[in-house]
Amino acid sequence: MKELLRSTDPTILAFASALLEGEDIDCFQMDVNMSILEGGIGIFPRRLMVRAVDLTRAERVMRDNEIPLGR
């Protein structure tokens, strides 16, 4: 898996995940459980991962929808 995007904003991650699902690109959020350790204040960014073969397509979807990749 490759990192597609990194953000502390859960709405961006949810929107990006929905867009990828619409394009039949599997994705997985990492570092979600870090919110337990940080107390939910949003210090640690979450990462959205995609398969290596889907990375180029996924980056194009993000660019087309003006979602910053944050890496």
C-alpha atoms as a PDB file:
ATOM      1  CA  MET A   1       0.000   0.000   0.000  1.00  0.00           C
ATOM      2  CA  LYS A   2       1.092   3.529  -0.742  1.00  0.00           C
ATOM      3  CA  GLU A   3       0.218   6.741   1.051  1.00  0.00           C
ATOM      4  CA  LEU A   4      -2.169   8.850  -0.990  1.00  0.00           C
ATOM      5  CA  LEU A   5      -3.002  11.622   1.401  1.00  0.00           C
ATOM      6  CA  ARG A   6      -2.317  12.819   4.940  1.00  0.00           C
ATOM      7  CA  SER A   7      -4.649  15.091   6.890  1.00  0.00           C
ATOM      8  CA  THR A   8      -5.888  15.966  10.368  1.00  0.00           C
ATOM      9  CA  ASP A   9      -9.310  16.898   8.951  1.00  0.00           C
ATOM     10  CA  PRO A  10     -11.706  13.926   9.137  1.00  0.00           C
ATOM     11  CA  THR A  11     -14.082  15.543   6.630  1.00  0.00           C
ATOM     12  CA  ILE A  12     -11.387  15.594   3.935  1.00  0.00           C
ATOM     13  CA  LEU A  13     -10.589  11.955   4.628  1.00  0.00           C
ATOM     14  CA  ALA A  14     -14.265  10.968   4.454  1.00  0.00           C
ATOM     15  CA  PHE A  15     -14.786  12.902   1.212  1.00  0.00           C
ATOM     16  CA  ALA A  16     -11.639  11.443  -0.351  1.00  0.00           C
ATOM     17  CA  SER A  17     -12.672   7.916   0.677  1.00  0.00           C
ATOM     18  CA  ALA A  18     -16.116   8.404  -0.874  1.00  0.00           C
ATOM     19  CA  LEU A  19     -14.600   9.679  -4.119  1.00  0.00           C
ATOM     20  CA  LEU A  20     -12.243   6.715  -4.301  1.00  0.00           C
ATOM     21  CA  GLU A  21     -15.051   4.253  -3.625  1.00  0.00           C
ATOM     22  CA  GLY A  22     -16.987   5.871  -6.470  1.00  0.00           C
ATOM     23  CA  GLU A  23     -14.042   5.133  -8.763  1.00  0.00           C
ATOM     24  CA  ASP A  24     -13.726   1.530  -7.480  1.00  0.00           C
ATOM     25  CA  ILE A  25     -10.383   2.260  -5.825  1.00  0.00           C
ATOM     26  CA  ASP A  26      -9.896   0.473  -2.503  1.00  0.00           C
ATOM     27  CA  CYS A  27      -8.522   2.617   0.316  1.00  0.00           C
ATOM     28  CA  PHE A  28      -7.652   2.204   3.974  1.00  0.00           C
ATOM     29  CA  GLN A  29      -7.251   4.826   6.707  1.00  0.00           C
ATOM     30  CA  MET A  30      -4.242   4.414   8.957  1.00  0.00           C
ATOM     31  CA  ASP A  31      -3.487   6.069  12.315  1.00  0.00           C
ATOM     32  CA  VAL A  32      -7.195   6.318  13.185  1.00  0.00           C
ATOM     33  CA  ASN A  33      -6.592   4.932  16.671  1.00  0.00           C
ATOM     34  CA  MET A  34      -4.032   7.632  17.428  1.00  0.00           C
ATOM     35  CA  SER A  35      -7.003   9.862  18.288  1.00  0.00           C
ATOM     36  CA  ILE A  36      -7.411   7.800  21.453  1.00  0.00           C
ATOM     37  CA  LEU A  37      -3.888   8.695  22.514  1.00  0.00           C
ATOM     38  CA  GLU A  38      -4.113  12.357  21.559  1.00  0.00           C
ATOM     39  CA  GLY A  39      -7.493  12.909  23.184  1.00  0.00           C
ATOM     40  CA  GLY A  40      -9.235  13.850  19.913  1.00  0.00           C
ATOM     41  CA  ILE A  41      -7.518  17.218  19.480  1.00  0.00           C
ATOM     42  CA  GLY A  42      -6.278  16.476  15.954  1.00  0.00           C
ATOM     43  CA  ILE A  43      -2.503  16.691  16.369  1.00  0.00           C
ATOM     44  CA  PHE A  44      -1.595  13.500  14.544  1.00  0.00           C
ATOM     45  CA  PRO A  45      -2.525  13.310  10.872  1.00  0.00           C
ATOM     46  CA  ARG A  46      -4.290  10.266   9.514  1.00  0.00           C
ATOM     47  CA  ARG A  47      -3.081   8.623   6.333  1.00  0.00           C
ATOM     48  CA  LEU A  48      -5.210   7.348   3.488  1.00  0.00           C
ATOM     49  CA  MET A  49      -3.577   4.386   1.783  1.00  0.00           C
ATOM     50  CA  VAL A  50      -4.266   2.831  -1.629  1.00  0.00           C
ATOM     51  CA  ARG A  51      -2.798  -0.110  -3.505  1.00  0.00           C
ATOM     52  CA  ALA A  52       0.368   0.735  -5.427  1.00  0.00           C
ATOM     53  CA  VAL A  53      -1.302  -0.085  -8.752  1.00  0.00           C
ATOM     54  CA  ASP A  54      -4.095   2.426  -7.988  1.00  0.00           C
ATOM     55  CA  LEU A  55      -1.889   5.295  -6.792  1.00  0.00           C
ATOM     56  CA  THR A  56      -1.736   7.234 -10.083  1.00  0.00           C
ATOM     57  CA  ARG A  57      -5.503   6.982 -10.621  1.00  0.00           C
ATOM     58  CA  ALA A  58      -6.184   7.962  -7.019  1.00  0.00           C
ATOM     59  CA  GLU A  59      -3.881  11.001  -7.228  1.00  0.00           C
ATOM     60  CA  ARG A  60      -5.729  12.113 -10.364  1.00  0.00           C
ATOM     61  CA  VAL A  61      -9.069  11.851  -8.541  1.00  0.00           C
ATOM     62  CA  MET A  62      -7.695  13.995  -5.717  1.00  0.00           C
ATOM     63  CA  ARG A  63      -6.320  16.617  -8.142  1.00  0.00           C
ATOM     64  CA  ASP A  64      -9.578  16.746 -10.101  1.00  0.00           C
ATOM     65  CA  ASN A  65     -11.463  17.469  -6.871  1.00  0.00           C
ATOM     66  CA  GLU A  66      -8.836  19.917  -5.518  1.00  0.00           C
ATOM     67  CA  ILE A  67      -8.041  17.830  -2.441  1.00  0.00           C
ATOM     68  CA  PRO A  68      -4.541  18.588  -1.111  1.00  0.00           C
ATOM     69  CA  LEU A  69      -2.429  15.501  -0.553  1.00  0.00           C
ATOM     70  CA  GLY A  70      -0.651  16.971   2.471  1.00  0.00           C
ATOM     71  CA  ARG A  71       2.557  14.980   2.098  1.00  0.00           C
END
